[in-house]
């Protein structure tokens, strides 16, 4: 059974940084494309970044240049480094692999 557990969320001021982590189990991690999604209050869940098995990356327009996705296959972890955070980045951030989702971690950007 695939399990994805996110961590690293919290309250941060505008312009600040956070790094989210997602630990995966129950899968061959190195063989999976991994993705980060987010869901802001009252809005649909949206893809913001993904990383392939060959480490190619793709970003949503709203985070391009500010967020960086990376992975460590030896630790079964995928990361999302978020810089220059804005209030509109406030959301629950989810890790996804194929049809499996984590439970999410809340990021709040506020002064």
PDB file of N, CA and C in Angstrom:
ATOM      1  N   UNK A   1       0.847  -1.195   0.000  1.00  0.00           N
ATOM      2  CA  UNK A   1       0.000   0.000   0.000  1.00  0.00           C
ATOM      3  C   UNK A   1       0.883   1.246   0.000  1.00  0.00           C
ATOM      4  N   UNK A   2       0.626   2.121  -0.962  1.00  0.00           N
ATOM      5  CA  UNK A   2       1.420   3.338  -1.080  1.00  0.00           C
ATOM      6  C   UNK A   2       1.018   4.325   0.016  1.00  0.00           C
ATOM      7  N   UNK A   3       2.026   4.887   0.670  1.00  0.00           N
ATOM      8  CA  UNK A   3       1.784   5.955   1.651  1.00  0.00           C
ATOM      9  C   UNK A   3       2.680   7.134   1.319  1.00  0.00           C
ATOM     10  N   UNK A   4       2.086   8.308   1.370  1.00  0.00           N
ATOM     11  CA  UNK A   4       2.806   9.548   1.140  1.00  0.00           C
ATOM     12  C   UNK A   4       2.537  10.449   2.334  1.00  0.00           C
ATOM     13  N   UNK A   5       3.608  10.922   2.971  1.00  0.00           N
ATOM     14  CA  UNK A   5       3.447  11.742   4.169  1.00  0.00           C
ATOM     15  C   UNK A   5       4.203  13.056   3.981  1.00  0.00           C
ATOM     16  N   UNK A   6       3.443  14.130   3.969  1.00  0.00           N
ATOM     17  CA  UNK A   6       4.028  15.460   3.793  1.00  0.00           C
ATOM     18  C   UNK A   6       4.375  16.082   5.137  1.00  0.00           C
ATOM     19  N   UNK A   7       5.359  16.957   5.127  1.00  0.00           N
ATOM     20  CA  UNK A   7       5.715  17.730   6.314  1.00  0.00           C
ATOM     21  C   UNK A   7       6.375  19.024   5.875  1.00  0.00           C
ATOM     22  N   UNK A   8       6.541  19.940   6.835  1.00  0.00           N
ATOM     23  CA  UNK A   8       7.263  21.172   6.562  1.00  0.00           C
ATOM     24  C   UNK A   8       6.408  22.408   6.404  1.00  0.00           C
ATOM     25  N   UNK A   9       5.108  22.243   6.442  1.00  0.00           N
ATOM     26  CA  UNK A   9       4.245  23.404   6.329  1.00  0.00           C
ATOM     27  C   UNK A   9       4.272  24.252   7.588  1.00  0.00           C
ATOM     28  N   UNK A  10       3.656  25.420   7.519  1.00  0.00           N
ATOM     29  CA  UNK A  10       3.601  26.292   8.677  1.00  0.00           C
ATOM     30  C   UNK A  10       3.238  27.701   8.285  1.00  0.00           C
ATOM     31  N   UNK A  11       3.420  28.601   9.224  1.00  0.00           N
ATOM     32  CA  UNK A  11       3.137  30.021   9.013  1.00  0.00           C
ATOM     33  C   UNK A  11       4.435  30.736   8.661  1.00  0.00           C
ATOM     34  N   UNK A  12       4.394  31.505   7.594  1.00  0.00           N
ATOM     35  CA  UNK A  12       5.584  32.237   7.164  1.00  0.00           C
ATOM     36  C   UNK A  12       5.152  33.617   6.683  1.00  0.00           C
ATOM     37  N   UNK A  13       6.039  34.583   6.843  1.00  0.00           N
ATOM     38  CA  UNK A  13       5.732  35.935   6.386  1.00  0.00           C
ATOM     39  C   UNK A  13       5.933  36.059   4.880  1.00  0.00           C
ATOM     40  N   UNK A  14       5.251  36.988   4.255  1.00  0.00           N
ATOM     41  CA  UNK A  14       5.487  37.221   2.820  1.00  0.00           C
ATOM     42  C   UNK A  14       6.967  37.488   2.557  1.00  0.00           C
ATOM     43  N   UNK A  15       7.457  36.890   1.488  1.00  0.00           N
ATOM     44  CA  UNK A  15       8.872  36.995   1.151  1.00  0.00           C
ATOM     45  C   UNK A  15       9.724  35.904   1.770  1.00  0.00           C
ATOM     46  N   UNK A  16       9.154  35.141   2.672  1.00  0.00           N
ATOM     47  CA  UNK A  16       9.893  34.080   3.342  1.00  0.00           C
ATOM     48  C   UNK A  16       9.987  32.803   2.530  1.00  0.00           C
ATOM     49  N   UNK A  17      10.601  31.789   3.144  1.00  0.00           N
ATOM     50  CA  UNK A  17      10.838  30.509   2.472  1.00  0.00           C
ATOM     51  C   UNK A  17      10.408  29.358   3.364  1.00  0.00           C
ATOM     52  N   UNK A  18      10.068  28.271   2.713  1.00  0.00           N
ATOM     53  CA  UNK A  18       9.781  27.007   3.391  1.00  0.00           C
ATOM     54  C   UNK A  18      10.254  25.885   2.494  1.00  0.00           C
ATOM     55  N   UNK A  19      10.547  24.749   3.110  1.00  0.00           N
ATOM     56  CA  UNK A  19      10.827  23.542   2.339  1.00  0.00           C
ATOM     57  C   UNK A  19       9.892  22.441   2.810  1.00  0.00           C
ATOM     58  N   UNK A  20       9.113  21.956   1.882  1.00  0.00           N
ATOM     59  CA  UNK A  20       8.212  20.836   2.162  1.00  0.00           C
ATOM     60  C   UNK A  20       8.906  19.533   1.800  1.00  0.00           C
ATOM     61  N   UNK A  21       8.558  18.490   2.550  1.00  0.00           N
ATOM     62  CA  UNK A  21       9.063  17.148   2.266  1.00  0.00           C
ATOM     63  C   UNK A  21       7.904  16.185   2.142  1.00  0.00           C
ATOM     64  N   UNK A  22       8.111  15.168   1.349  1.00  0.00           N
ATOM     65  CA  UNK A  22       7.128  14.082   1.227  1.00  0.00           C
ATOM     66  C   UNK A  22       7.901  12.776   1.236  1.00  0.00           C
ATOM     67  N   UNK A  23       7.631  11.964   2.240  1.00  0.00           N
ATOM     68  CA  UNK A  23       8.266  10.649   2.329  1.00  0.00           C
ATOM     69  C   UNK A  23       7.309   9.611   1.780  1.00  0.00           C
ATOM     70  N   UNK A  24       7.815   8.772   0.904  1.00  0.00           N
ATOM     71  CA  UNK A  24       6.981   7.761   0.258  1.00  0.00           C
ATOM     72  C   UNK A  24       7.365   6.363   0.723  1.00  0.00           C
ATOM     73  N   UNK A  25       6.378   5.498   0.830  1.00  0.00           N
ATOM     74  CA  UNK A  25       6.624   4.092   1.142  1.00  0.00           C
ATOM     75  C   UNK A  25       5.635   3.236   0.364  1.00  0.00           C
ATOM     76  N   UNK A  26       5.970   1.946   0.231  1.00  0.00           N
ATOM     77  CA  UNK A  26       5.072   1.032  -0.458  1.00  0.00           C
ATOM     78  C   UNK A  26       5.130   1.123  -1.965  1.00  0.00           C
ATOM     79  N   UNK A  27       6.198   1.706  -2.494  1.00  0.00           N
ATOM     80  CA  UNK A  27       6.347   1.840  -3.939  1.00  0.00           C
ATOM     81  C   UNK A  27       7.822   1.820  -4.293  1.00  0.00           C
ATOM     82  N   UNK A  28       8.095   1.616  -5.577  1.00  0.00           N
ATOM     83  CA  UNK A  28       9.477   1.735  -6.042  1.00  0.00           C
ATOM     84  C   UNK A  28       9.666   3.199  -6.402  1.00  0.00           C
ATOM     85  N   UNK A  29      10.167   3.955  -5.463  1.00  0.00           N
ATOM     86  CA  UNK A  29      10.179   5.413  -5.560  1.00  0.00           C
ATOM     87  C   UNK A  29      10.902   5.895  -6.809  1.00  0.00           C
ATOM     88  N   UNK A  30      12.039   5.298  -7.097  1.00  0.00           N
ATOM     89  CA  UNK A  30      12.854   5.765  -8.215  1.00  0.00           C
ATOM     90  C   UNK A  30      12.155   5.585  -9.557  1.00  0.00           C
ATOM     91  N   UNK A  31      11.122   4.772  -9.597  1.00  0.00           N
ATOM     92  CA  UNK A  31      10.402   4.505 -10.835  1.00  0.00           C
ATOM     93  C   UNK A  31       9.163   5.368 -11.000  1.00  0.00           C
ATOM     94  N   UNK A  32       8.970   6.309 -10.068  1.00  0.00           N
ATOM     95  CA  UNK A  32       7.745   7.104 -10.069  1.00  0.00           C
ATOM     96  C   UNK A  32       8.005   8.579 -10.341  1.00  0.00           C
ATOM     97  N   UNK A  33       7.204   9.141 -11.228  1.00  0.00           N
ATOM     98  CA  UNK A  33       7.112  10.591 -11.286  1.00  0.00           C
ATOM     99  C   UNK A  33       6.377  11.054 -10.038  1.00  0.00           C
ATOM    100  N   UNK A  34       6.889  12.113  -9.425  1.00  0.00           N
ATOM    101  CA  UNK A  34       6.283  12.647  -8.207  1.00  0.00           C
ATOM    102  C   UNK A  34       5.812  14.075  -8.464  1.00  0.00           C
ATOM    103  N   UNK A  35       4.757  14.445  -7.771  1.00  0.00           N
ATOM    104  CA  UNK A  35       4.185  15.764  -8.018  1.00  0.00           C
ATOM    105  C   UNK A  35       3.730  16.420  -6.726  1.00  0.00           C
ATOM    106  N   UNK A  36       3.725  17.729  -6.758  1.00  0.00           N
ATOM    107  CA  UNK A  36       3.144  18.539  -5.686  1.00  0.00           C
ATOM    108  C   UNK A  36       1.936  19.277  -6.263  1.00  0.00           C
ATOM    109  N   UNK A  37       0.867  19.237  -5.513  1.00  0.00           N
ATOM    110  CA  UNK A  37      -0.343  19.987  -5.818  1.00  0.00           C
ATOM    111  C   UNK A  37      -0.639  20.892  -4.630  1.00  0.00           C
ATOM    112  N   UNK A  38      -1.502  21.861  -4.855  1.00  0.00           N
ATOM    113  CA  UNK A  38      -1.990  22.655  -3.735  1.00  0.00           C
ATOM    114  C   UNK A  38      -3.462  22.989  -3.942  1.00  0.00           C
ATOM    115  N   UNK A  39      -4.114  23.206  -2.813  1.00  0.00           N
ATOM    116  CA  UNK A  39      -5.527  23.576  -2.841  1.00  0.00           C
ATOM    117  C   UNK A  39      -5.748  24.727  -1.879  1.00  0.00           C
ATOM    118  N   UNK A  40      -6.066  25.872  -2.447  1.00  0.00           N
ATOM    119  CA  UNK A  40      -6.360  27.052  -1.644  1.00  0.00           C
ATOM    120  C   UNK A  40      -7.821  26.999  -1.204  1.00  0.00           C
ATOM    121  N   UNK A  41      -8.164  27.702  -0.130  1.00  0.00           N
ATOM    122  CA  UNK A  41      -9.548  27.686   0.351  1.00  0.00           C
ATOM    123  C   UNK A  41     -10.534  28.080  -0.750  1.00  0.00           C
ATOM    124  N   UNK A  42     -11.534  27.254  -0.960  1.00  0.00           N
ATOM    125  CA  UNK A  42     -12.569  27.549  -1.934  1.00  0.00           C
ATOM    126  C   UNK A  42     -12.169  27.339  -3.381  1.00  0.00           C
ATOM    127  N   UNK A  43     -10.992  26.758  -3.593  1.00  0.00           N
ATOM    128  CA  UNK A  43     -10.521  26.578  -4.970  1.00  0.00           C
ATOM    129  C   UNK A  43     -10.219  25.109  -5.242  1.00  0.00           C
ATOM    130  N   UNK A  44     -10.053  24.796  -6.525  1.00  0.00           N
ATOM    131  CA  UNK A  44      -9.745  23.417  -6.911  1.00  0.00           C
ATOM    132  C   UNK A  44      -8.280  23.101  -6.652  1.00  0.00           C
ATOM    133  N   UNK A  45      -8.013  21.828  -6.444  1.00  0.00           N
ATOM    134  CA  UNK A  45      -6.647  21.378  -6.292  1.00  0.00           C
ATOM    135  C   UNK A  45      -5.917  21.540  -7.634  1.00  0.00           C
ATOM    136  N   UNK A  46      -4.690  22.025  -7.552  1.00  0.00           N
ATOM    137  CA  UNK A  46      -3.979  22.393  -8.769  1.00  0.00           C
ATOM    138  C   UNK A  46      -2.546  21.874  -8.744  1.00  0.00           C
ATOM    139  N   UNK A  47      -2.073  21.370  -9.892  1.00  0.00           N
ATOM    140  CA  UNK A  47      -0.686  20.922 -10.008  1.00  0.00           C
ATOM    141  C   UNK A  47       0.246  22.115 -10.000  1.00  0.00           C
ATOM    142  N   UNK A  48       1.293  22.059  -9.170  1.00  0.00           N
ATOM    143  CA  UNK A  48       2.244  23.160  -9.169  1.00  0.00           C
ATOM    144  C   UNK A  48       3.644  22.734  -9.581  1.00  0.00           C
ATOM    145  N   UNK A  49       3.995  21.463  -9.379  1.00  0.00           N
ATOM    146  CA  UNK A  49       5.329  21.027  -9.776  1.00  0.00           C
ATOM    147  C   UNK A  49       5.357  19.518  -9.887  1.00  0.00           C
ATOM    148  N   UNK A  50       6.163  19.025 -10.842  1.00  0.00           N
ATOM    149  CA  UNK A  50       6.388  17.590 -10.892  1.00  0.00           C
ATOM    150  C   UNK A  50       7.820  17.319 -11.303  1.00  0.00           C
ATOM    151  N   UNK A  51       8.276  16.124 -10.924  1.00  0.00           N
ATOM    152  CA  UNK A  51       9.637  15.701 -11.246  1.00  0.00           C
ATOM    153  C   UNK A  51       9.580  14.264 -11.731  1.00  0.00           C
ATOM    154  N   UNK A  52      10.199  14.029 -12.864  1.00  0.00           N
ATOM    155  CA  UNK A  52      10.154  12.702 -13.476  1.00  0.00           C
ATOM    156  C   UNK A  52      11.233  11.799 -12.884  1.00  0.00           C
ATOM    157  N   UNK A  53      11.234  10.567 -13.357  1.00  0.00           N
ATOM    158  CA  UNK A  53      12.244   9.618 -12.904  1.00  0.00           C
ATOM    159  C   UNK A  53      13.644  10.015 -13.371  1.00  0.00           C
ATOM    160  N   UNK A  54      13.709  10.801 -14.429  1.00  0.00           N
ATOM    161  CA  UNK A  54      15.012  11.273 -14.925  1.00  0.00           C
ATOM    162  C   UNK A  54      15.329  12.690 -14.433  1.00  0.00           C
ATOM    163  N   UNK A  55      14.571  13.142 -13.450  1.00  0.00           N
ATOM    164  CA  UNK A  55      14.778  14.450 -12.811  1.00  0.00           C
ATOM    165  C   UNK A  55      14.418  15.639 -13.687  1.00  0.00           C
ATOM    166  N   UNK A  56      13.677  15.427 -14.746  1.00  0.00           N
ATOM    167  CA  UNK A  56      13.165  16.594 -15.470  1.00  0.00           C
ATOM    168  C   UNK A  56      12.000  17.168 -14.671  1.00  0.00           C
ATOM    169  N   UNK A  57      11.852  18.464 -14.712  1.00  0.00           N
ATOM    170  CA  UNK A  57      10.868  19.141 -13.869  1.00  0.00           C
ATOM    171  C   UNK A  57       9.930  20.010 -14.696  1.00  0.00           C
ATOM    172  N   UNK A  58       8.794  20.246 -14.107  1.00  0.00           N
ATOM    173  CA  UNK A  58       7.788  21.098 -14.744  1.00  0.00           C
ATOM    174  C   UNK A  58       7.089  21.865 -13.634  1.00  0.00           C
ATOM    175  N   UNK A  59       6.750  23.139 -13.908  1.00  0.00           N
ATOM    176  CA  UNK A  59       6.145  23.991 -12.884  1.00  0.00           C
ATOM    177  C   UNK A  59       4.912  24.696 -13.422  1.00  0.00           C
ATOM    178  N   UNK A  60       3.998  24.970 -12.502  1.00  0.00           N
ATOM    179  CA  UNK A  60       2.881  25.821 -12.851  1.00  0.00           C
ATOM    180  C   UNK A  60       3.354  27.259 -12.990  1.00  0.00           C
ATOM    181  N   UNK A  61       2.664  28.020 -13.796  1.00  0.00           N
ATOM    182  CA  UNK A  61       3.081  29.396 -14.072  1.00  0.00           C
ATOM    183  C   UNK A  61       3.160  30.242 -12.808  1.00  0.00           C
ATOM    184  N   UNK A  62       2.293  29.975 -11.851  1.00  0.00           N
ATOM    185  CA  UNK A  62       2.227  30.823 -10.660  1.00  0.00           C
ATOM    186  C   UNK A  62       3.424  30.641  -9.732  1.00  0.00           C
ATOM    187  N   UNK A  63       4.178  29.556  -9.904  1.00  0.00           N
ATOM    188  CA  UNK A  63       5.304  29.297  -8.995  1.00  0.00           C
ATOM    189  C   UNK A  63       6.648  29.259  -9.710  1.00  0.00           C
ATOM    190  N   UNK A  64       6.621  29.348 -11.024  1.00  0.00           N
ATOM    191  CA  UNK A  64       7.855  29.261 -11.801  1.00  0.00           C
ATOM    192  C   UNK A  64       8.840  30.331 -11.358  1.00  0.00           C
ATOM    193  N   UNK A  65      10.093  29.917 -11.121  1.00  0.00           N
ATOM    194  CA  UNK A  65      11.122  30.860 -10.696  1.00  0.00           C
ATOM    195  C   UNK A  65      11.189  31.067  -9.197  1.00  0.00           C
ATOM    196  N   UNK A  66      10.183  30.597  -8.475  1.00  0.00           N
ATOM    197  CA  UNK A  66      10.175  30.753  -7.009  1.00  0.00           C
ATOM    198  C   UNK A  66      10.259  29.408  -6.290  1.00  0.00           C
ATOM    199  N   UNK A  67       9.670  28.389  -6.872  1.00  0.00           N
ATOM    200  CA  UNK A  67       9.635  27.062  -6.254  1.00  0.00           C
ATOM    201  C   UNK A  67      10.562  26.105  -7.007  1.00  0.00           C
ATOM    202  N   UNK A  68      11.157  25.172  -6.253  1.00  0.00           N
ATOM    203  CA  UNK A  68      12.021  24.162  -6.855  1.00  0.00           C
ATOM    204  C   UNK A  68      11.651  22.792  -6.304  1.00  0.00           C
ATOM    205  N   UNK A  69      11.364  21.868  -7.207  1.00  0.00           N
ATOM    206  CA  UNK A  69      11.091  20.495  -6.808  1.00  0.00           C
ATOM    207  C   UNK A  69      12.364  19.675  -6.990  1.00  0.00           C
ATOM    208  N   UNK A  70      12.597  18.758  -6.048  1.00  0.00           N
ATOM    209  CA  UNK A  70      13.759  17.874  -6.150  1.00  0.00           C
ATOM    210  C   UNK A  70      13.411  16.556  -5.482  1.00  0.00           C
ATOM    211  N   UNK A  71      14.264  15.583  -5.679  1.00  0.00           N
ATOM    212  CA  UNK A  71      14.006  14.267  -5.097  1.00  0.00           C
ATOM    213  C   UNK A  71      15.299  13.630  -4.637  1.00  0.00           C
ATOM    214  N   UNK A  72      15.161  12.742  -3.656  1.00  0.00           N
ATOM    215  CA  UNK A  72      16.278  11.939  -3.175  1.00  0.00           C
ATOM    216  C   UNK A  72      15.816  10.491  -3.193  1.00  0.00           C
ATOM    217  N   UNK A  73      16.230   9.762  -4.200  1.00  0.00           N
ATOM    218  CA  UNK A  73      15.760   8.381  -4.340  1.00  0.00           C
ATOM    219  C   UNK A  73      16.295   7.476  -3.235  1.00  0.00           C
ATOM    220  N   UNK A  74      17.425   7.839  -2.642  1.00  0.00           N
ATOM    221  CA  UNK A  74      17.970   7.006  -1.565  1.00  0.00           C
ATOM    222  C   UNK A  74      17.148   7.121  -0.280  1.00  0.00           C
ATOM    223  N   UNK A  75      16.405   8.226  -0.163  1.00  0.00           N
ATOM    224  CA  UNK A  75      15.574   8.457   1.025  1.00  0.00           C
ATOM    225  C   UNK A  75      14.082   8.332   0.732  1.00  0.00           C
ATOM    226  N   UNK A  76      13.742   8.043  -0.520  1.00  0.00           N
ATOM    227  CA  UNK A  76      12.319   7.998  -0.921  1.00  0.00           C
ATOM    228  C   UNK A  76      11.603   9.300  -0.581  1.00  0.00           C
ATOM    229  N   UNK A  77      12.257  10.414  -0.862  1.00  0.00           N
ATOM    230  CA  UNK A  77      11.675  11.715  -0.530  1.00  0.00           C
ATOM    231  C   UNK A  77      11.659  12.638  -1.736  1.00  0.00           C
ATOM    232  N   UNK A  78      10.618  13.425  -1.770  1.00  0.00           N
ATOM    233  CA  UNK A  78      10.528  14.507  -2.745  1.00  0.00           C
ATOM    234  C   UNK A  78      10.341  15.797  -1.955  1.00  0.00           C
ATOM    235  N   UNK A  79      10.948  16.857  -2.453  1.00  0.00           N
ATOM    236  CA  UNK A  79      10.962  18.125  -1.731  1.00  0.00           C
ATOM    237  C   UNK A  79      10.367  19.234  -2.600  1.00  0.00           C
ATOM    238  N   UNK A  80       9.899  20.256  -1.918  1.00  0.00           N
ATOM    239  CA  UNK A  80       9.469  21.469  -2.616  1.00  0.00           C
ATOM    240  C   UNK A  80      10.034  22.655  -1.847  1.00  0.00           C
ATOM    241  N   UNK A  81      11.055  23.284  -2.434  1.00  0.00           N
ATOM    242  CA  UNK A  81      11.616  24.489  -1.825  1.00  0.00           C
ATOM    243  C   UNK A  81      10.852  25.682  -2.371  1.00  0.00           C
ATOM    244  N   UNK A  82      10.316  26.465  -1.460  1.00  0.00           N
ATOM    245  CA  UNK A  82       9.466  27.591  -1.830  1.00  0.00           C
ATOM    246  C   UNK A  82      10.103  28.887  -1.342  1.00  0.00           C
ATOM    247  N   UNK A  83      10.432  29.743  -2.259  1.00  0.00           N
ATOM    248  CA  UNK A  83      11.041  31.033  -1.949  1.00  0.00           C
ATOM    249  C   UNK A  83      10.107  32.176  -2.310  1.00  0.00           C
ATOM    250  N   UNK A  84      10.383  33.331  -1.726  1.00  0.00           N
ATOM    251  CA  UNK A  84       9.605  34.537  -2.027  1.00  0.00           C
ATOM    252  C   UNK A  84       8.103  34.251  -1.942  1.00  0.00           C
ATOM    253  N   UNK A  85       7.708  33.681  -0.838  1.00  0.00           N
ATOM    254  CA  UNK A  85       6.312  33.285  -0.684  1.00  0.00           C
ATOM    255  C   UNK A  85       5.390  34.491  -0.631  1.00  0.00           C
ATOM    256  N   UNK A  86       4.202  34.307  -1.191  1.00  0.00           N
ATOM    257  CA  UNK A  86       3.202  35.363  -1.268  1.00  0.00           C
ATOM    258  C   UNK A  86       1.928  34.901  -0.559  1.00  0.00           C
ATOM    259  N   UNK A  87       1.101  35.830  -0.121  1.00  0.00           N
ATOM    260  CA  UNK A  87      -0.160  35.419   0.526  1.00  0.00           C
ATOM    261  C   UNK A  87      -0.993  34.478  -0.349  1.00  0.00           C
ATOM    262  N   UNK A  88      -0.927  34.645  -1.644  1.00  0.00           N
ATOM    263  CA  UNK A  88      -1.707  33.771  -2.534  1.00  0.00           C
ATOM    264  C   UNK A  88      -1.142  32.344  -2.627  1.00  0.00           C
ATOM    265  N   UNK A  89       0.010  32.108  -2.016  1.00  0.00           N
ATOM    266  CA  UNK A  89       0.538  30.743  -1.930  1.00  0.00           C
ATOM    267  C   UNK A  89      -0.083  29.969  -0.768  1.00  0.00           C
ATOM    268  N   UNK A  90      -0.868  30.637   0.045  1.00  0.00           N
ATOM    269  CA  UNK A  90      -1.536  29.968   1.157  1.00  0.00           C
ATOM    270  C   UNK A  90      -2.444  28.869   0.637  1.00  0.00           C
ATOM    271  N   UNK A  91      -2.215  27.652   1.133  1.00  0.00           N
ATOM    272  CA  UNK A  91      -2.957  26.491   0.633  1.00  0.00           C
ATOM    273  C   UNK A  91      -2.528  25.259   1.415  1.00  0.00           C
ATOM    274  N   UNK A  92      -3.268  24.191   1.229  1.00  0.00           N
ATOM    275  CA  UNK A  92      -2.801  22.875   1.658  1.00  0.00           C
ATOM    276  C   UNK A  92      -2.034  22.282   0.488  1.00  0.00           C
ATOM    277  N   UNK A  93      -0.836  21.815   0.778  1.00  0.00           N
ATOM    278  CA  UNK A  93       0.052  21.270  -0.249  1.00  0.00           C
ATOM    279  C   UNK A  93       0.061  19.749  -0.138  1.00  0.00           C
ATOM    280  N   UNK A  94      -0.151  19.106  -1.278  1.00  0.00           N
ATOM    281  CA  UNK A  94      -0.263  17.652  -1.339  1.00  0.00           C
ATOM    282  C   UNK A  94       0.816  17.058  -2.223  1.00  0.00           C
ATOM    283  N   UNK A  95       1.275  15.906  -1.823  1.00  0.00           N
ATOM    284  CA  UNK A  95       2.197  15.093  -2.605  1.00  0.00           C
ATOM    285  C   UNK A  95       1.359  14.028  -3.325  1.00  0.00           C
ATOM    286  N   UNK A  96       1.744  13.739  -4.561  1.00  0.00           N
ATOM    287  CA  UNK A  96       0.978  12.758  -5.344  1.00  0.00           C
ATOM    288  C   UNK A  96       1.917  11.883  -6.166  1.00  0.00           C
ATOM    289  N   UNK A  97       1.571  10.609  -6.255  1.00  0.00           N
ATOM    290  CA  UNK A  97       2.238   9.701  -7.160  1.00  0.00           C
ATOM    291  C   UNK A  97       1.183   8.798  -7.787  1.00  0.00           C
ATOM    292  N   UNK A  98       1.056   8.871  -9.069  1.00  0.00           N
ATOM    293  CA  UNK A  98      -0.010   8.176  -9.810  1.00  0.00           C
ATOM    294  C   UNK A  98      -1.350   8.505  -9.167  1.00  0.00           C
ATOM    295  N   UNK A  99      -2.018   7.532  -8.581  1.00  0.00           N
ATOM    296  CA  UNK A  99      -3.344   7.783  -8.009  1.00  0.00           C
ATOM    297  C   UNK A  99      -3.301   7.951  -6.489  1.00  0.00           C
ATOM    298  N   UNK A 100      -2.110   7.950  -5.911  1.00  0.00           N
ATOM    299  CA  UNK A 100      -1.968   8.042  -4.458  1.00  0.00           C
ATOM    300  C   UNK A 100      -1.665   9.481  -4.028  1.00  0.00           C
ATOM    301  N   UNK A 101      -2.357   9.874  -2.959  1.00  0.00           N
ATOM    302  CA  UNK A 101      -2.204  11.220  -2.404  1.00  0.00           C
ATOM    303  C   UNK A 101      -1.787  11.143  -0.942  1.00  0.00           C
ATOM    304  N   UNK A 102      -1.010  12.149  -0.528  1.00  0.00           N
ATOM    305  CA  UNK A 102      -0.799  12.335   0.892  1.00  0.00           C
ATOM    306  C   UNK A 102      -1.959  13.089   1.497  1.00  0.00           C
ATOM    307  N   UNK A 103      -1.890  13.331   2.802  1.00  0.00           N
ATOM    308  CA  UNK A 103      -2.973  14.037   3.486  1.00  0.00           C
ATOM    309  C   UNK A 103      -2.786  15.543   3.465  1.00  0.00           C
ATOM    310  N   UNK A 104      -1.618  15.980   3.068  1.00  0.00           N
ATOM    311  CA  UNK A 104      -1.394  17.400   2.906  1.00  0.00           C
ATOM    312  C   UNK A 104      -0.733  18.063   4.097  1.00  0.00           C
ATOM    313  N   UNK A 105      -0.119  19.205   3.817  1.00  0.00           N
ATOM    314  CA  UNK A 105       0.470  20.040   4.864  1.00  0.00           C
ATOM    315  C   UNK A 105       0.087  21.487   4.560  1.00  0.00           C
ATOM    316  N   UNK A 106      -0.327  22.200   5.592  1.00  0.00           N
ATOM    317  CA  UNK A 106      -0.847  23.553   5.406  1.00  0.00           C
ATOM    318  C   UNK A 106       0.278  24.577   5.411  1.00  0.00           C
ATOM    319  N   UNK A 107       0.263  25.427   4.403  1.00  0.00           N
ATOM    320  CA  UNK A 107       1.178  26.567   4.320  1.00  0.00           C
ATOM    321  C   UNK A 107       0.343  27.830   4.390  1.00  0.00           C
ATOM    322  N   UNK A 108       0.674  28.676   5.340  1.00  0.00           N
ATOM    323  CA  UNK A 108      -0.017  29.954   5.492  1.00  0.00           C
ATOM    324  C   UNK A 108       1.009  31.070   5.358  1.00  0.00           C
ATOM    325  N   UNK A 109       0.772  31.962   4.409  1.00  0.00           N
ATOM    326  CA  UNK A 109       1.671  33.092   4.188  1.00  0.00           C
ATOM    327  C   UNK A 109       0.941  34.357   4.618  1.00  0.00           C
ATOM    328  N   UNK A 110       1.396  34.922   5.718  1.00  0.00           N
ATOM    329  CA  UNK A 110       0.700  36.078   6.281  1.00  0.00           C
ATOM    330  C   UNK A 110       1.640  36.858   7.180  1.00  0.00           C
ATOM    331  N   UNK A 111       1.415  38.160   7.222  1.00  0.00           N
ATOM    332  CA  UNK A 111       2.188  38.999   8.146  1.00  0.00           C
ATOM    333  C   UNK A 111       1.431  39.175   9.458  1.00  0.00           C
TER     334      UNK A 111
END
